């Protein structure tokens, strides 16, 4: 589907949570956006779609924007 999934075991890494400002788990992150807590498949798919689709469209368009101003 064009993205990588990374699973991070935080058992012995509470400092990582603090550094990223995460106050609850589980967390699903895509780009700069996060879903905190339990999320449905639809919510996770929407997060991924909202981050990946604009990125791909911009890459396909090169230097010109494909979004209306």
PDB file of N, CA and C in Angstrom:
ATOM      1  N   UNK A   1       0.820  -1.204   0.000  1.00  0.00           N
ATOM      2  CA  UNK A   1       0.000   0.000   0.000  1.00  0.00           C
ATOM      3  C   UNK A   1       0.859   1.261   0.000  1.00  0.00           C
ATOM      4  N   UNK A   2       2.171   1.137   0.074  1.00  0.00           N
ATOM      5  CA  UNK A   2       3.016   2.303  -0.028  1.00  0.00           C
ATOM      6  C   UNK A   2       3.418   2.951   1.285  1.00  0.00           C
ATOM      7  N   UNK A   3       3.336   2.219   2.393  1.00  0.00           N
ATOM      8  CA  UNK A   3       3.791   2.769   3.667  1.00  0.00           C
ATOM      9  C   UNK A   3       4.366   1.642   4.514  1.00  0.00           C
ATOM     10  N   UNK A   4       5.216   2.004   5.456  1.00  0.00           N
ATOM     11  CA  UNK A   4       5.818   1.034   6.367  1.00  0.00           C
ATOM     12  C   UNK A   4       5.137   1.123   7.719  1.00  0.00           C
ATOM     13  N   UNK A   5       5.066  -0.009   8.400  1.00  0.00           N
ATOM     14  CA  UNK A   5       4.505  -0.055   9.749  1.00  0.00           C
ATOM     15  C   UNK A   5       5.652  -0.348  10.708  1.00  0.00           C
ATOM     16  N   UNK A   6       5.753   0.449  11.745  1.00  0.00           N
ATOM     17  CA  UNK A   6       6.783   0.250  12.759  1.00  0.00           C
ATOM     18  C   UNK A   6       6.104   0.073  14.106  1.00  0.00           C
ATOM     19  N   UNK A   7       6.379  -1.046  14.758  1.00  0.00           N
ATOM     20  CA  UNK A   7       5.843  -1.304  16.094  1.00  0.00           C
ATOM     21  C   UNK A   7       6.959  -1.061  17.100  1.00  0.00           C
ATOM     22  N   UNK A   8       6.683  -0.260  18.118  1.00  0.00           N
ATOM     23  CA  UNK A   8       7.691   0.087  19.118  1.00  0.00           C
ATOM     24  C   UNK A   8       7.230  -0.426  20.475  1.00  0.00           C
ATOM     25  N   UNK A   9       8.050  -1.292  21.093  1.00  0.00           N
ATOM     26  CA  UNK A   9       7.762  -1.795  22.439  1.00  0.00           C
ATOM     27  C   UNK A   9       8.252  -0.754  23.441  1.00  0.00           C
ATOM     28  N   UNK A  10       7.338  -0.173  24.172  1.00  0.00           N
ATOM     29  CA  UNK A  10       7.662   0.902  25.106  1.00  0.00           C
ATOM     30  C   UNK A  10       7.858   0.418  26.540  1.00  0.00           C
ATOM     31  N   UNK A  11       7.888  -0.890  26.727  1.00  0.00           N
ATOM     32  CA  UNK A  11       7.978  -1.451  28.071  1.00  0.00           C
ATOM     33  C   UNK A  11       9.135  -0.864  28.869  1.00  0.00           C
ATOM     34  N   UNK A  12      10.300  -0.790  28.284  1.00  0.00           N
ATOM     35  CA  UNK A  12      11.477  -0.276  28.988  1.00  0.00           C
ATOM     36  C   UNK A  12      11.913   1.084  28.444  1.00  0.00           C
ATOM     37  N   UNK A  13      11.003   1.800  27.791  1.00  0.00           N
ATOM     38  CA  UNK A  13      11.350   3.085  27.181  1.00  0.00           C
ATOM     39  C   UNK A  13      10.356   4.190  27.540  1.00  0.00           C
ATOM     40  N   UNK A  14      10.066   4.393  28.815  1.00  0.00           N
ATOM     41  CA  UNK A  14       9.108   5.451  29.155  1.00  0.00           C
ATOM     42  C   UNK A  14       9.607   6.839  28.762  1.00  0.00           C
ATOM     43  N   UNK A  15      10.926   7.008  28.662  1.00  0.00           N
ATOM     44  CA  UNK A  15      11.480   8.298  28.251  1.00  0.00           C
ATOM     45  C   UNK A  15      11.090   8.655  26.821  1.00  0.00           C
ATOM     46  N   UNK A  16      10.882   7.644  25.983  1.00  0.00           N
ATOM     47  CA  UNK A  16      10.446   7.886  24.606  1.00  0.00           C
ATOM     48  C   UNK A  16       9.044   8.490  24.588  1.00  0.00           C
ATOM     49  N   UNK A  17       8.176   7.990  25.456  1.00  0.00           N
ATOM     50  CA  UNK A  17       6.827   8.553  25.556  1.00  0.00           C
ATOM     51  C   UNK A  17       6.876  10.023  25.961  1.00  0.00           C
ATOM     52  N   UNK A  18       7.684  10.317  26.952  1.00  0.00           N
ATOM     53  CA  UNK A  18       7.809  11.692  27.440  1.00  0.00           C
ATOM     54  C   UNK A  18       8.361  12.590  26.339  1.00  0.00           C
ATOM     55  N   UNK A  19       9.384  12.125  25.637  1.00  0.00           N
ATOM     56  CA  UNK A  19      10.020  12.923  24.588  1.00  0.00           C
ATOM     57  C   UNK A  19       9.054  13.256  23.457  1.00  0.00           C
ATOM     58  N   UNK A  20       8.145  12.338  23.142  1.00  0.00           N
ATOM     59  CA  UNK A  20       7.190  12.561  22.055  1.00  0.00           C
ATOM     60  C   UNK A  20       5.893  13.200  22.538  1.00  0.00           C
ATOM     61  N   UNK A  21       5.767  13.401  23.835  1.00  0.00           N
ATOM     62  CA  UNK A  21       4.563  14.028  24.375  1.00  0.00           C
ATOM     63  C   UNK A  21       3.354  13.108  24.383  1.00  0.00           C
ATOM     64  N   UNK A  22       3.587  11.807  24.392  1.00  0.00           N
ATOM     65  CA  UNK A  22       2.499  10.829  24.376  1.00  0.00           C
ATOM     66  C   UNK A  22       2.082  10.548  25.812  1.00  0.00           C
ATOM     67  N   UNK A  23       0.792  10.697  26.084  1.00  0.00           N
ATOM     68  CA  UNK A  23       0.300  10.518  27.455  1.00  0.00           C
ATOM     69  C   UNK A  23      -0.569   9.279  27.619  1.00  0.00           C
ATOM     70  N   UNK A  24      -0.882   8.600  26.525  1.00  0.00           N
ATOM     71  CA  UNK A  24      -1.692   7.385  26.589  1.00  0.00           C
ATOM     72  C   UNK A  24      -1.301   6.485  25.419  1.00  0.00           C
ATOM     73  N   UNK A  25      -1.480   5.200  25.607  1.00  0.00           N
ATOM     74  CA  UNK A  25      -1.227   4.243  24.536  1.00  0.00           C
ATOM     75  C   UNK A  25      -2.471   3.393  24.354  1.00  0.00           C
ATOM     76  N   UNK A  26      -2.737   2.805  23.237  1.00  0.00           N
ATOM     77  CA  UNK A  26      -1.900   2.773  22.044  1.00  0.00           C
ATOM     78  C   UNK A  26      -1.967   4.086  21.262  1.00  0.00           C
ATOM     79  N   UNK A  27      -0.945   4.291  20.436  1.00  0.00           N
ATOM     80  CA  UNK A  27      -0.869   5.469  19.576  1.00  0.00           C
ATOM     81  C   UNK A  27      -0.595   4.999  18.157  1.00  0.00           C
ATOM     82  N   UNK A  28      -1.328   5.531  17.213  1.00  0.00           N
ATOM     83  CA  UNK A  28      -1.055   5.312  15.799  1.00  0.00           C
ATOM     84  C   UNK A  28      -0.653   6.664  15.243  1.00  0.00           C
ATOM     85  N   UNK A  29       0.542   6.727  14.657  1.00  0.00           N
ATOM     86  CA  UNK A  29       1.035   7.991  14.112  1.00  0.00           C
ATOM     87  C   UNK A  29       1.267   7.849  12.616  1.00  0.00           C
ATOM     88  N   UNK A  30       0.907   8.876  11.888  1.00  0.00           N
ATOM     89  CA  UNK A  30       1.171   8.952  10.449  1.00  0.00           C
ATOM     90  C   UNK A  30       1.564  10.388  10.158  1.00  0.00           C
ATOM     91  N   UNK A  31       2.789  10.568   9.717  1.00  0.00           N
ATOM     92  CA  UNK A  31       3.277  11.932   9.535  1.00  0.00           C
ATOM     93  C   UNK A  31       3.318  12.619  10.886  1.00  0.00           C
ATOM     94  N   UNK A  32       2.756  13.798  10.958  1.00  0.00           N
ATOM     95  CA  UNK A  32       2.712  14.546  12.216  1.00  0.00           C
ATOM     96  C   UNK A  32       1.403  14.318  12.979  1.00  0.00           C
ATOM     97  N   UNK A  33       0.488  13.532  12.414  1.00  0.00           N
ATOM     98  CA  UNK A  33      -0.817  13.307  13.037  1.00  0.00           C
ATOM     99  C   UNK A  33      -0.791  12.038  13.881  1.00  0.00           C
ATOM    100  N   UNK A  34      -1.589  12.031  14.957  1.00  0.00           N
ATOM    101  CA  UNK A  34      -1.668  10.875  15.857  1.00  0.00           C
ATOM    102  C   UNK A  34      -3.111  10.552  16.210  1.00  0.00           C
ATOM    103  N   UNK A  35      -3.368   9.262  16.385  1.00  0.00           N
ATOM    104  CA  UNK A  35      -4.604   8.784  17.009  1.00  0.00           C
ATOM    105  C   UNK A  35      -4.182   8.186  18.344  1.00  0.00           C
ATOM    106  N   UNK A  36      -4.734   8.684  19.425  1.00  0.00           N
ATOM    107  CA  UNK A  36      -4.369   8.201  20.758  1.00  0.00           C
ATOM    108  C   UNK A  36      -5.525   7.388  21.306  1.00  0.00           C
ATOM    109  N   UNK A  37      -5.208   6.236  21.883  1.00  0.00           N
ATOM    110  CA  UNK A  37      -6.235   5.355  22.422  1.00  0.00           C
ATOM    111  C   UNK A  37      -6.694   4.371  21.360  1.00  0.00           C
ATOM    112  N   UNK A  38      -7.697   3.626  21.676  1.00  0.00           N
ATOM    113  CA  UNK A  38      -8.198   2.622  20.742  1.00  0.00           C
ATOM    114  C   UNK A  38      -8.920   3.303  19.593  1.00  0.00           C
ATOM    115  N   UNK A  39      -8.643   2.841  18.380  1.00  0.00           N
ATOM    116  CA  UNK A  39      -9.250   3.418  17.184  1.00  0.00           C
ATOM    117  C   UNK A  39      -9.810   2.293  16.324  1.00  0.00           C
ATOM    118  N   UNK A  40     -10.857   2.603  15.607  1.00  0.00           N
ATOM    119  CA  UNK A  40     -11.446   1.617  14.699  1.00  0.00           C
ATOM    120  C   UNK A  40     -10.586   1.502  13.446  1.00  0.00           C
ATOM    121  N   UNK A  41     -10.812   0.456  12.689  1.00  0.00           N
ATOM    122  CA  UNK A  41     -10.103   0.285  11.418  1.00  0.00           C
ATOM    123  C   UNK A  41     -10.364   1.464  10.497  1.00  0.00           C
ATOM    124  N   UNK A  42     -11.595   1.950  10.501  1.00  0.00           N
ATOM    125  CA  UNK A  42     -11.949   3.090   9.651  1.00  0.00           C
ATOM    126  C   UNK A  42     -11.179   4.344  10.060  1.00  0.00           C
ATOM    127  N   UNK A  43     -11.024   4.565  11.366  1.00  0.00           N
ATOM    128  CA  UNK A  43     -10.279   5.736  11.837  1.00  0.00           C
ATOM    129  C   UNK A  43      -8.802   5.635  11.463  1.00  0.00           C
ATOM    130  N   UNK A  44      -8.232   4.451  11.609  1.00  0.00           N
ATOM    131  CA  UNK A  44      -6.821   4.273  11.235  1.00  0.00           C
ATOM    132  C   UNK A  44      -6.636   4.449   9.739  1.00  0.00           C
ATOM    133  N   UNK A  45      -7.540   3.886   8.947  1.00  0.00           N
ATOM    134  CA  UNK A  45      -7.452   4.025   7.489  1.00  0.00           C
ATOM    135  C   UNK A  45      -7.575   5.484   7.069  1.00  0.00           C
ATOM    136  N   UNK A  46      -8.470   6.224   7.700  1.00  0.00           N
ATOM    137  CA  UNK A  46      -8.643   7.641   7.370  1.00  0.00           C
ATOM    138  C   UNK A  46      -7.380   8.431   7.703  1.00  0.00           C
ATOM    139  N   UNK A  47      -6.750   8.128   8.827  1.00  0.00           N
ATOM    140  CA  UNK A  47      -5.511   8.809   9.203  1.00  0.00           C
ATOM    141  C   UNK A  47      -4.432   8.561   8.156  1.00  0.00           C
ATOM    142  N   UNK A  48      -4.258   7.312   7.781  1.00  0.00           N
ATOM    143  CA  UNK A  48      -3.244   6.965   6.780  1.00  0.00           C
ATOM    144  C   UNK A  48      -3.583   7.605   5.444  1.00  0.00           C
ATOM    145  N   UNK A  49      -4.831   7.530   5.036  1.00  0.00           N
ATOM    146  CA  UNK A  49      -5.252   8.117   3.759  1.00  0.00           C
ATOM    147  C   UNK A  49      -5.016   9.621   3.740  1.00  0.00           C
ATOM    148  N   UNK A  50      -5.378  10.299   4.815  1.00  0.00           N
ATOM    149  CA  UNK A  50      -5.241  11.755   4.867  1.00  0.00           C
ATOM    150  C   UNK A  50      -3.787  12.197   4.810  1.00  0.00           C
ATOM    151  N   UNK A  51      -2.881  11.358   5.282  1.00  0.00           N
ATOM    152  CA  UNK A  51      -1.459  11.707   5.243  1.00  0.00           C
ATOM    153  C   UNK A  51      -0.832  11.291   3.917  1.00  0.00           C
ATOM    154  N   UNK A  52      -1.135  10.084   3.439  1.00  0.00           N
ATOM    155  CA  UNK A  52      -0.472   9.572   2.246  1.00  0.00           C
ATOM    156  C   UNK A  52      -1.004  10.147   0.943  1.00  0.00           C
ATOM    157  N   UNK A  53      -2.293  10.311   0.806  1.00  0.00           N
ATOM    158  CA  UNK A  53      -2.857  10.763  -0.470  1.00  0.00           C
ATOM    159  C   UNK A  53      -2.347  12.144  -0.853  1.00  0.00           C
ATOM    160  N   UNK A  54      -2.388  13.159   0.015  1.00  0.00           N
ATOM    161  CA  UNK A  54      -1.840  14.464  -0.382  1.00  0.00           C
ATOM    162  C   UNK A  54      -0.349  14.391  -0.709  1.00  0.00           C
ATOM    163  N   UNK A  55       0.408  13.565   0.014  1.00  0.00           N
ATOM    164  CA  UNK A  55       1.840  13.425  -0.248  1.00  0.00           C
ATOM    165  C   UNK A  55       2.071  12.852  -1.629  1.00  0.00           C
ATOM    166  N   UNK A  56       1.333  11.833  -1.991  1.00  0.00           N
ATOM    167  CA  UNK A  56       1.491  11.217  -3.308  1.00  0.00           C
ATOM    168  C   UNK A  56       1.063  12.165  -4.412  1.00  0.00           C
ATOM    169  N   UNK A  57      -0.040  12.878  -4.220  1.00  0.00           N
ATOM    170  CA  UNK A  57      -0.500  13.807  -5.247  1.00  0.00           C
ATOM    171  C   UNK A  57       0.516  14.915  -5.468  1.00  0.00           C
ATOM    172  N   UNK A  58       1.103  15.413  -4.407  1.00  0.00           N
ATOM    173  CA  UNK A  58       2.110  16.460  -4.530  1.00  0.00           C
ATOM    174  C   UNK A  58       3.334  15.922  -5.263  1.00  0.00           C
ATOM    175  N   UNK A  59       3.746  14.697  -4.943  1.00  0.00           N
ATOM    176  CA  UNK A  59       4.902  14.101  -5.606  1.00  0.00           C
ATOM    177  C   UNK A  59       4.621  13.885  -7.087  1.00  0.00           C
ATOM    178  N   UNK A  60       3.422  13.456  -7.427  1.00  0.00           N
ATOM    179  CA  UNK A  60       3.062  13.241  -8.827  1.00  0.00           C
ATOM    180  C   UNK A  60       3.007  14.548  -9.600  1.00  0.00           C
ATOM    181  N   UNK A  61       2.604  15.605  -8.939  1.00  0.00           N
ATOM    182  CA  UNK A  61       2.455  16.891  -9.610  1.00  0.00           C
ATOM    183  C   UNK A  61       3.781  17.615  -9.774  1.00  0.00           C
ATOM    184  N   UNK A  62       4.815  17.162  -9.087  1.00  0.00           N
ATOM    185  CA  UNK A  62       6.094  17.864  -9.158  1.00  0.00           C
ATOM    186  C   UNK A  62       5.995  19.175  -8.422  1.00  0.00           C
ATOM    187  N   UNK A  63       6.360  20.248  -9.085  1.00  0.00           N
ATOM    188  CA  UNK A  63       6.370  21.547  -8.416  1.00  0.00           C
ATOM    189  C   UNK A  63       5.021  22.252  -8.483  1.00  0.00           C
ATOM    190  N   UNK A  64       4.096  21.760  -9.292  1.00  0.00           N
ATOM    191  CA  UNK A  64       2.792  22.426  -9.374  1.00  0.00           C
ATOM    192  C   UNK A  64       1.816  21.780  -8.395  1.00  0.00           C
ATOM    193  N   UNK A  65       0.966  22.555  -7.813  1.00  0.00           N
ATOM    194  CA  UNK A  65      -0.002  22.065  -6.844  1.00  0.00           C
ATOM    195  C   UNK A  65      -1.194  21.456  -7.565  1.00  0.00           C
ATOM    196  N   UNK A  66      -1.717  20.357  -7.014  1.00  0.00           N
ATOM    197  CA  UNK A  66      -2.912  19.741  -7.576  1.00  0.00           C
ATOM    198  C   UNK A  66      -4.143  20.115  -6.768  1.00  0.00           C
ATOM    199  N   UNK A  67      -3.959  20.990  -5.786  1.00  0.00           N
ATOM    200  CA  UNK A  67      -5.066  21.394  -4.936  1.00  0.00           C
ATOM    201  C   UNK A  67      -5.563  22.763  -5.353  1.00  0.00           C
ATOM    202  N   UNK A  68      -6.869  22.977  -5.378  1.00  0.00           N
ATOM    203  CA  UNK A  68      -7.378  24.311  -5.705  1.00  0.00           C
ATOM    204  C   UNK A  68      -6.991  25.309  -4.625  1.00  0.00           C
ATOM    205  N   UNK A  69      -6.701  26.509  -5.029  1.00  0.00           N
ATOM    206  CA  UNK A  69      -6.314  27.551  -4.061  1.00  0.00           C
ATOM    207  C   UNK A  69      -7.514  28.130  -3.373  1.00  0.00           C
TER     208      UNK A  69
END
